[in-house]
Structure formats: C-alpha cells, structure tokens
Protein backbone atom coordinates (compact mmCIF):
# COMPACT_ATOMS: atom_id res chain seq x y z
CA MET A 1 11.95 -8.92 17.82
CA THR A 2 10.64 -11.23 15.14
CA TRP A 3 8.22 -9.59 12.70
CA LEU A 4 5.66 -11.60 10.74
CA ILE A 5 4.85 -9.84 7.45
CA THR A 6 1.68 -11.13 5.84
CA GLY A 7 1.61 -10.59 2.08
CA GLY A 8 5.36 -10.10 2.24
CA ALA A 9 6.05 -11.59 -1.21
CA GLY A 10 3.81 -9.04 -2.94
CA TYR A 11 4.85 -5.78 -4.58
CA ILE A 12 4.64 -3.61 -1.47
CA GLY A 13 5.27 -6.44 0.98
CA ALA A 14 8.59 -7.42 -0.57
CA HIS A 15 9.79 -3.83 -0.32
CA VAL A 16 8.80 -3.77 3.35
CA ALA A 17 10.53 -7.10 3.96
CA ARG A 18 13.73 -5.87 2.32
CA ALA A 19 13.71 -2.51 4.14
CA MET A 20 13.21 -4.15 7.51
CA THR A 21 15.80 -6.84 6.85
CA ASP A 22 18.34 -4.28 5.66
CA ALA A 23 17.74 -2.38 8.90
CA GLY A 24 18.61 -5.45 10.96
CA GLU A 25 15.09 -6.60 11.84
CA ARG A 26 14.33 -10.32 11.96
CA VAL A 27 11.55 -11.00 9.43
CA LEU A 28 9.29 -13.93 8.53
CA VAL A 29 6.82 -13.84 5.62
CA LEU A 30 3.41 -15.45 5.22
CA ASP A 31 1.96 -15.25 1.71
CA ASP A 32 -0.56 -17.32 -0.26
CA LEU A 33 1.37 -16.40 -3.44
CA SER A 34 -1.82 -15.37 -5.27
CA ALA A 35 -0.04 -12.12 -6.17
CA GLY A 36 3.37 -12.68 -4.60
CA PHE A 37 6.61 -14.21 -5.82
CA PRO A 38 9.16 -15.94 -3.56
CA ALA A 39 12.02 -14.61 -5.70
CA ARG A 40 11.28 -11.10 -4.45
CA LEU A 41 12.37 -12.01 -0.93
CA PRO A 42 15.90 -11.83 0.50
CA ALA A 43 17.44 -15.30 0.63
CA ASP A 44 17.55 -15.40 4.42
CA VAL A 45 13.87 -14.51 4.96
CA PRO A 46 11.74 -17.60 5.71
CA LEU A 47 8.56 -17.91 3.64
CA VAL A 48 5.48 -19.76 4.84
CA GLU A 49 2.94 -20.36 2.10
CA GLY A 50 -0.55 -19.91 3.47
CA SER A 51 -3.53 -17.65 4.06
CA ALA A 52 -4.49 -15.25 6.84
CA LEU A 53 -7.80 -17.14 6.87
CA ASP A 54 -6.03 -20.26 8.20
CA GLY A 55 -6.21 -19.76 11.95
CA ASP A 56 -4.45 -22.99 12.88
CA LEU A 57 -1.53 -22.17 10.58
CA LEU A 58 -1.27 -18.65 11.99
CA LYS A 59 -1.18 -19.90 15.57
CA ARG A 60 1.46 -22.48 14.66
CA VAL A 61 3.63 -19.94 12.84
CA CYS A 62 3.43 -17.43 15.70
CA ALA A 63 4.46 -20.11 18.21
CA GLU A 64 7.17 -21.85 16.19
CA HIS A 65 8.88 -18.61 15.17
CA ALA A 66 8.32 -16.75 18.46
CA VAL A 67 6.69 -13.85 16.61
CA THR A 68 6.66 -10.61 18.62
CA GLY A 69 5.18 -8.20 16.07
CA VAL A 70 2.99 -8.36 12.94
CA VAL A 71 2.91 -6.23 9.79
CA HIS A 72 -0.33 -7.08 8.00
CA LEU A 73 -0.34 -6.30 4.28
CA ALA A 74 -2.13 -9.36 2.87
CA ALA A 75 -5.38 -8.22 1.21
CA ARG A 76 -7.22 -8.02 -2.03
CA LYS A 77 -6.92 -4.47 -3.35
CA GLN A 78 -8.54 -3.91 -6.76
CA VAL A 79 -11.38 -1.42 -6.56
CA GLY A 80 -13.28 -2.68 -9.59
CA GLU A 81 -12.99 -6.28 -8.45
CA SER A 82 -14.29 -5.28 -5.01
CA VAL A 83 -17.42 -3.82 -6.61
CA ALA A 84 -18.01 -7.04 -8.55
CA GLN A 85 -17.07 -9.38 -5.67
CA PRO A 86 -17.90 -7.61 -2.38
CA THR A 87 -18.42 -10.78 -0.34
CA ARG A 88 -15.00 -12.07 -1.36
CA TYR A 89 -13.40 -8.78 -0.30
CA TYR A 90 -15.11 -8.77 3.07
CA ARG A 91 -14.29 -12.44 3.63
CA GLU A 92 -10.59 -12.13 2.77
CA ASN A 93 -9.81 -8.59 3.92
CA VAL A 94 -11.93 -8.43 7.07
CA GLY A 95 -12.27 -12.13 7.83
CA GLY A 96 -8.56 -12.74 7.32
CA LEU A 97 -7.72 -9.82 9.60
CA ALA A 98 -10.08 -11.09 12.32
CA THR A 99 -8.52 -14.54 12.15
CA LEU A 100 -5.04 -13.06 12.33
CA LEU A 101 -5.91 -10.85 15.31
CA GLU A 102 -7.29 -13.86 17.16
CA ALA A 103 -3.97 -15.65 16.67
CA VAL A 104 -2.06 -12.52 17.70
CA ALA A 105 -4.08 -12.18 20.91
CA GLU A 106 -3.70 -15.87 21.76
CA ALA A 107 0.07 -15.69 21.24
CA GLY A 108 0.38 -12.61 23.44
CA ILE A 109 1.84 -10.50 20.62
CA LYS A 110 1.72 -6.80 21.56
CA ARG A 111 2.65 -4.98 18.34
CA PHE A 112 0.48 -4.79 15.22
CA LEU A 113 0.95 -2.66 12.08
CA PHE A 114 -1.97 -2.53 9.64
CA SER A 115 -1.71 -1.62 5.97
CA SER A 116 -4.69 0.66 5.35
CA SER A 117 -5.45 2.96 2.43
CA ALA A 118 -6.51 6.47 1.47
CA ALA A 119 -9.57 4.69 0.03
CA VAL A 120 -11.08 4.99 3.53
CA TYR A 121 -11.69 8.70 2.86
CA GLY A 122 -13.72 8.31 -0.32
CA ASN A 123 -13.79 11.58 -2.29
CA PRO A 124 -13.57 14.45 0.21
CA ASP A 125 -13.71 17.96 -1.19
CA VAL A 126 -10.65 19.32 0.65
CA ASP A 127 -7.30 20.72 -0.40
CA LEU A 128 -5.30 18.39 1.86
CA ILE A 129 -6.66 15.22 3.42
CA THR A 130 -5.74 15.01 7.11
CA GLU A 131 -6.26 12.09 9.44
CA ASP A 132 -9.27 13.97 10.83
CA THR A 133 -10.98 14.22 7.43
CA PRO A 134 -14.22 12.21 7.71
CA CYS A 135 -14.04 8.70 6.30
CA ALA A 136 -16.67 7.90 3.68
CA PRO A 137 -15.41 5.09 1.41
CA VAL A 138 -17.14 4.76 -1.96
CA ASN A 139 -16.38 1.13 -2.79
CA PRO A 140 -16.17 -2.22 -0.96
CA TYR A 141 -12.36 -2.18 -0.98
CA GLY A 142 -12.30 1.10 0.95
CA GLU A 143 -15.04 -0.20 3.26
CA THR A 144 -12.97 -3.27 4.14
CA LYS A 145 -9.97 -1.10 4.95
CA LEU A 146 -11.99 1.20 7.21
CA THR A 147 -13.65 -1.80 8.90
CA GLY A 148 -10.17 -3.25 9.29
CA GLU A 149 -8.98 -0.14 11.09
CA TRP A 150 -11.94 -0.32 13.49
CA LEU A 151 -11.19 -3.99 14.15
CA VAL A 152 -7.48 -3.38 14.72
CA ARG A 153 -8.17 -0.62 17.24
CA ALA A 154 -10.84 -2.65 19.04
CA ALA A 155 -8.55 -5.66 19.32
CA GLY A 156 -5.76 -3.39 20.50
CA ARG A 157 -7.91 -2.05 23.32
CA ALA A 158 -9.23 -5.48 24.27
CA HIS A 159 -5.87 -7.27 24.32
CA ASP A 160 -3.43 -4.45 25.16
CA ILE A 161 -1.88 -4.49 21.67
CA SER A 162 -0.11 -1.37 20.43
CA THR A 163 -1.29 -0.63 16.90
CA VAL A 164 -0.45 1.57 13.93
CA CYS A 165 -2.62 2.01 10.82
CA LEU A 166 -0.92 3.47 7.74
CA ARG A 167 -3.25 5.08 5.20
CA TYR A 168 -1.22 5.32 2.05
CA PHE A 169 -1.97 7.09 -1.16
CA ASN A 170 -0.95 6.16 -4.76
CA VAL A 171 2.06 3.85 -4.74
CA ALA A 172 4.53 3.67 -7.64
CA GLY A 173 8.14 2.88 -8.46
CA ALA A 174 10.54 0.16 -7.36
CA ALA A 175 13.61 -0.03 -5.15
CA ALA A 176 15.09 -2.49 -7.67
CA PRO A 177 13.83 -3.71 -11.07
CA GLU A 178 13.17 -7.23 -9.79
CA LEU A 179 10.82 -5.83 -7.11
CA ALA A 180 8.67 -3.85 -9.55
CA ASP A 181 4.90 -4.16 -9.74
CA THR A 182 4.06 -6.78 -12.36
CA GLY A 183 0.35 -5.98 -12.48
CA VAL A 184 -1.34 -3.49 -14.80
CA PHE A 185 -3.83 -1.98 -12.37
CA ASN A 186 -2.28 1.38 -11.45
CA ILE A 187 -1.77 4.37 -13.70
CA VAL A 188 2.01 4.12 -14.27
CA PRO A 189 2.03 0.48 -15.48
CA MET A 190 -1.22 1.11 -17.35
CA VAL A 191 0.48 3.84 -19.39
CA PHE A 192 3.55 1.63 -19.90
CA ASP A 193 1.26 -1.12 -21.16
CA ARG A 194 -0.41 1.20 -23.66
CA LEU A 195 2.91 2.49 -24.98
CA THR A 196 4.34 -1.03 -25.24
CA ARG A 197 1.35 -1.99 -27.40
CA ASP A 198 1.93 1.11 -29.56
CA GLU A 199 -1.20 2.80 -28.25
CA ALA A 200 -1.66 6.29 -26.84
CA PRO A 201 -2.12 6.77 -23.07
CA ARG A 202 -5.66 7.43 -21.93
CA ILE A 203 -6.97 10.24 -19.75
CA PHE A 204 -10.40 9.71 -18.23
CA GLY A 205 -11.86 13.19 -18.21
CA ASP A 206 -10.13 16.54 -18.74
CA ASP A 207 -12.90 18.80 -17.50
CA TYR A 208 -12.32 18.56 -13.75
CA PRO A 209 -11.97 21.76 -11.66
CA THR A 210 -8.15 21.54 -11.63
CA PRO A 211 -5.49 23.68 -13.36
CA ASP A 212 -5.22 21.38 -16.40
CA GLY A 213 -8.62 19.72 -16.12
CA THR A 214 -7.29 16.29 -15.10
CA CYS A 215 -7.46 14.59 -11.72
CA ILE A 216 -4.75 15.36 -9.15
CA ARG A 217 -3.28 12.63 -6.96
CA ASP A 218 -0.55 12.19 -4.34
CA TYR A 219 2.04 9.64 -5.51
CA ILE A 220 4.40 7.90 -3.07
CA HIS A 221 7.51 5.91 -4.01
CA VAL A 222 7.21 2.34 -2.77
CA ALA A 223 10.70 2.57 -1.24
CA ASP A 224 9.56 5.57 0.81
CA LEU A 225 6.46 3.60 1.79
CA ALA A 226 8.64 0.69 2.93
CA GLU A 227 10.71 3.06 5.04
CA ALA A 228 7.50 4.37 6.59
CA HIS A 229 6.63 0.81 7.63
CA LEU A 230 10.07 0.45 9.19
CA ALA A 231 9.60 3.74 11.06
CA ALA A 232 6.18 2.57 12.30
CA ALA A 233 7.60 -0.78 13.40
CA ARG A 234 10.35 1.01 15.29
CA ARG A 235 7.75 3.21 16.98
CA LEU A 236 5.90 0.10 18.10
CA THR A 237 9.03 -1.10 19.89
CA GLY A 238 9.81 2.30 21.44
CA ALA A 239 8.90 3.99 24.69
CA ASP A 240 5.81 5.70 23.24
CA ALA A 241 4.36 2.59 21.64
CA SER A 242 1.21 2.24 23.74
CA GLY A 243 -2.25 2.83 22.29
CA ASP A 244 -3.03 3.33 18.63
CA LEU A 245 -1.79 5.64 15.89
CA THR A 246 -3.27 6.30 12.44
CA VAL A 247 -1.30 8.31 9.88
CA ASN A 248 -1.37 9.21 6.20
CA ILE A 249 1.57 8.13 4.07
CA GLY A 250 2.01 10.47 1.13
CA ARG A 251 4.20 13.31 -0.10
CA GLY A 252 1.68 16.09 0.41
CA GLU A 253 2.14 17.15 -3.21
CA GLY A 254 -0.40 16.86 -5.98
CA VAL A 255 0.44 15.71 -9.51
CA SER A 256 -2.15 15.77 -12.27
CA VAL A 257 -2.74 12.86 -14.61
CA ARG A 258 -1.55 14.95 -17.54
CA GLU A 259 1.63 15.97 -15.68
CA LEU A 260 2.35 12.33 -14.81
CA ILE A 261 1.85 11.20 -18.41
CA THR A 262 4.24 13.94 -19.55
CA VAL A 263 6.95 12.61 -17.19
CA ILE A 264 6.31 9.06 -18.41
CA GLY A 265 6.76 10.26 -22.00
CA GLU A 266 10.08 11.92 -21.13
CA VAL A 267 11.38 8.81 -19.33
CA THR A 268 10.28 6.29 -21.96
CA GLY A 269 11.07 8.47 -24.96
CA ASP A 270 7.51 7.99 -26.18
CA GLY A 271 5.73 11.29 -25.68
CA ARG A 272 2.75 10.73 -27.95
CA PRO A 273 -0.31 12.74 -26.94
CA ALA A 274 -2.84 11.11 -24.67
CA VAL A 275 -6.38 10.47 -25.83
CA VAL A 276 -9.16 11.86 -23.67
CA GLU A 277 -12.06 9.60 -22.84
CA ALA A 278 -15.15 9.98 -20.65
CA ARG A 279 -14.81 10.38 -16.92
CA ARG A 280 -14.82 7.25 -14.80
CA PRO A 281 -17.52 7.07 -12.10
CA GLY A 282 -16.27 7.96 -8.63
CA ASP A 283 -13.00 9.71 -9.56
CA ALA A 284 -12.38 12.66 -7.23
CA PRO A 285 -10.91 15.81 -8.79
CA ARG A 286 -8.20 15.97 -6.12
CA ALA A 287 -6.84 13.60 -3.44
CA VAL A 288 -3.65 14.79 -1.75
CA ALA A 289 -2.43 13.83 1.71
CA SER A 290 -1.34 15.99 4.56
CA ALA A 291 1.94 14.31 5.53
CA ALA A 292 2.52 16.38 8.69
CA LEU A 293 1.42 13.78 11.25
CA ALA A 294 3.69 11.06 9.84
CA ALA A 295 6.62 13.45 10.14
CA GLU A 296 5.67 14.31 13.71
CA LYS A 297 4.83 10.84 15.01
CA LEU A 298 7.12 8.60 12.93
CA GLY A 299 9.98 10.98 12.14
CA TRP A 300 9.43 10.01 8.50
CA THR A 301 9.05 12.05 5.33
CA ALA A 302 9.15 10.95 1.70
CA SER A 303 12.42 11.70 -0.11
CA ARG A 304 11.79 10.50 -3.67
CA GLY A 305 9.95 12.38 -6.39
CA VAL A 306 7.70 11.45 -9.29
CA ARG A 307 10.56 11.16 -11.79
CA ASP A 308 12.29 8.67 -9.48
CA MET A 309 9.07 6.66 -9.35
CA VAL A 310 8.62 6.61 -13.12
CA GLU A 311 12.28 5.87 -13.93
CA SER A 312 12.49 2.98 -11.46
CA ALA A 313 9.12 1.59 -12.53
CA TRP A 314 10.18 1.74 -16.19
CA GLN A 315 13.34 -0.28 -15.46
CA GLY A 316 11.17 -2.87 -13.72
CA TRP A 317 8.71 -2.89 -16.62
CA LEU A 318 11.51 -3.54 -19.10
CA LEU A 319 12.84 -6.38 -16.96
CA HIS A 320 9.46 -8.10 -16.57
CA HIS A 321 7.87 -7.28 -19.92
CA GLY A 322 10.83 -7.01 -22.28
CA GLY A 323 11.78 -4.06 -24.41
C-alpha cells in the first residue's frame, strides 16, 4: 500500500502522516503549504507541493508513486471565512475533491478516506449526536463537508471505491510540541493567545440551558484523531472494506467552555476569571458525539482526556509563540 495524504503538512494532516508512518504504512503527502509546514513531516515522507485542484498533477502523482489509497484532508476550514467567502469554499473544498476523485478513478485506486466534520449536523437538539442524526449544516463550511460526503459515496458506487468518511468534533492538543496548531482559530489557542497578551479569556454567553450556562462540546485529542485515521485506513485494506462507512470521531463526553477554561488556567498557572460577552450567532448549547459506531466498526476509542489536550497544546504554544 502507498497512501497519498492530501493536506498532510497541516496540523491534523501531519499527525495522521506520523501515525501512519510509525505504524509501518508507506505515505506520500500533497500539500499547497497555505497552512502546512514541511518541517512537520517525518524525514522519509515525500512531499509534493501542489493543490487538489490541479488534476494533471494529481494524475501524475498517483501514477509515479503507484498510489493505492488516499486520505483526503486538504480543505479550507474556518467557519467565519466560509460565510464571507462561500464561492471560494465550494471551489476549493468541493471542486478540489471532485478533481481528486476523478484522478483516483482514472488511476484505479480503490480506497478513499475523507476528512469530514461534525459541522455537517448543524445544531441538533439532542443529547448525543449519532451518525443517524439529520444533517442540517448552518454555514458554507459545513455545507461543503456534507456535499463532499455525498460526492465521495457517489464516486465510490460509480467506480467501486471503498470509502470512509470521518466526522470529527473539536480537535485539540499535539502529539509533540513541534506538531502543535499554530493558528488562533480554536478555543484552546484562542485562550492561550488572550493570556499571553495579559488579557482575560472570553466566554460568549453564559445563559445557555446547560449546568453552568456555557456551551458544551466534545473535544478530541489530535493524536487520538490520527489513530482513528490509521484504524480507518486499516479497515479499507481489510476483508470488510467494501462499500462505504461514515462514523463520528469524538470522546462521547461533554465539556463546558467554563470547565475547559478552568483546566487551561490550572495548566498555564494563569487562572484569571473569564469575561462574559454576548452570545455568538449559531452556537449550539450542546454538541457531543456518540462514539459507539467508531468503536464497533473501527475498533477505535479515544484514550486521552482534556487535560492531556491542554497540556500538550500549551507546550506547543510555548515552542511556537515563546514564553
């Protein structure tokens, strides 16, 4: 097997590349380096700089490297940006996927793993989100992920490609400081950024129908997420690989924003009280995964907790941002 990982030099992608390489898989990375860094990759992993929108390049890479499976992570993923630039998100996320699937079909590749998102569900009013929970995305990013799932399954049926779609929840942490998320778009680095600038963390709304009034989310350690990709890739090469599979990737445990900020304060030694601001439009009171199907179908369950995520993310923050 030779696995092509698109977006493999990014935050999540580099973790997937390392997990698969450590497990003995042969890996090749394609990344346009708009959010990725070559230094994140193991030294023996080839890197091709380019875009999933470049069909000729994709066909050449698949042929020259005898690719037999694809893990597709390359995508734009900022919700606010997707609202401001919907056409760009559809062009890159859906158009890039269509171009990639055309190359995959032409090359006769029979295994395809798609990086989806819990954003496909929107804001369902349920205690646990299962894979059967209706999908109703509330922003263009989530729409492109749901459209991507439809496209992956359709291409799978048309070209006899075995497919897996992983819908993952809120990703945090780092397997090593040098692999940490360098952006400030998710809640953990956003709080780190506030503390580093000697400012109090912010909570957007404390009047939700939850035990402490703040939103509840399911957080998954990026190293666990990488291991889920490895488990899915192994399934695609196993005896029960035919057809398509869609699973949630989460811990099945809810953590409130206030609880998370408390842990961050304990880890960083800066436990100043958070300031409460107005609610943000579109924030659901609760979004927690049912992780049962991933355990059943992939033999995978998360093993790392929230403190592990915060501690490892903090070490990465200190490496990349000083302190």
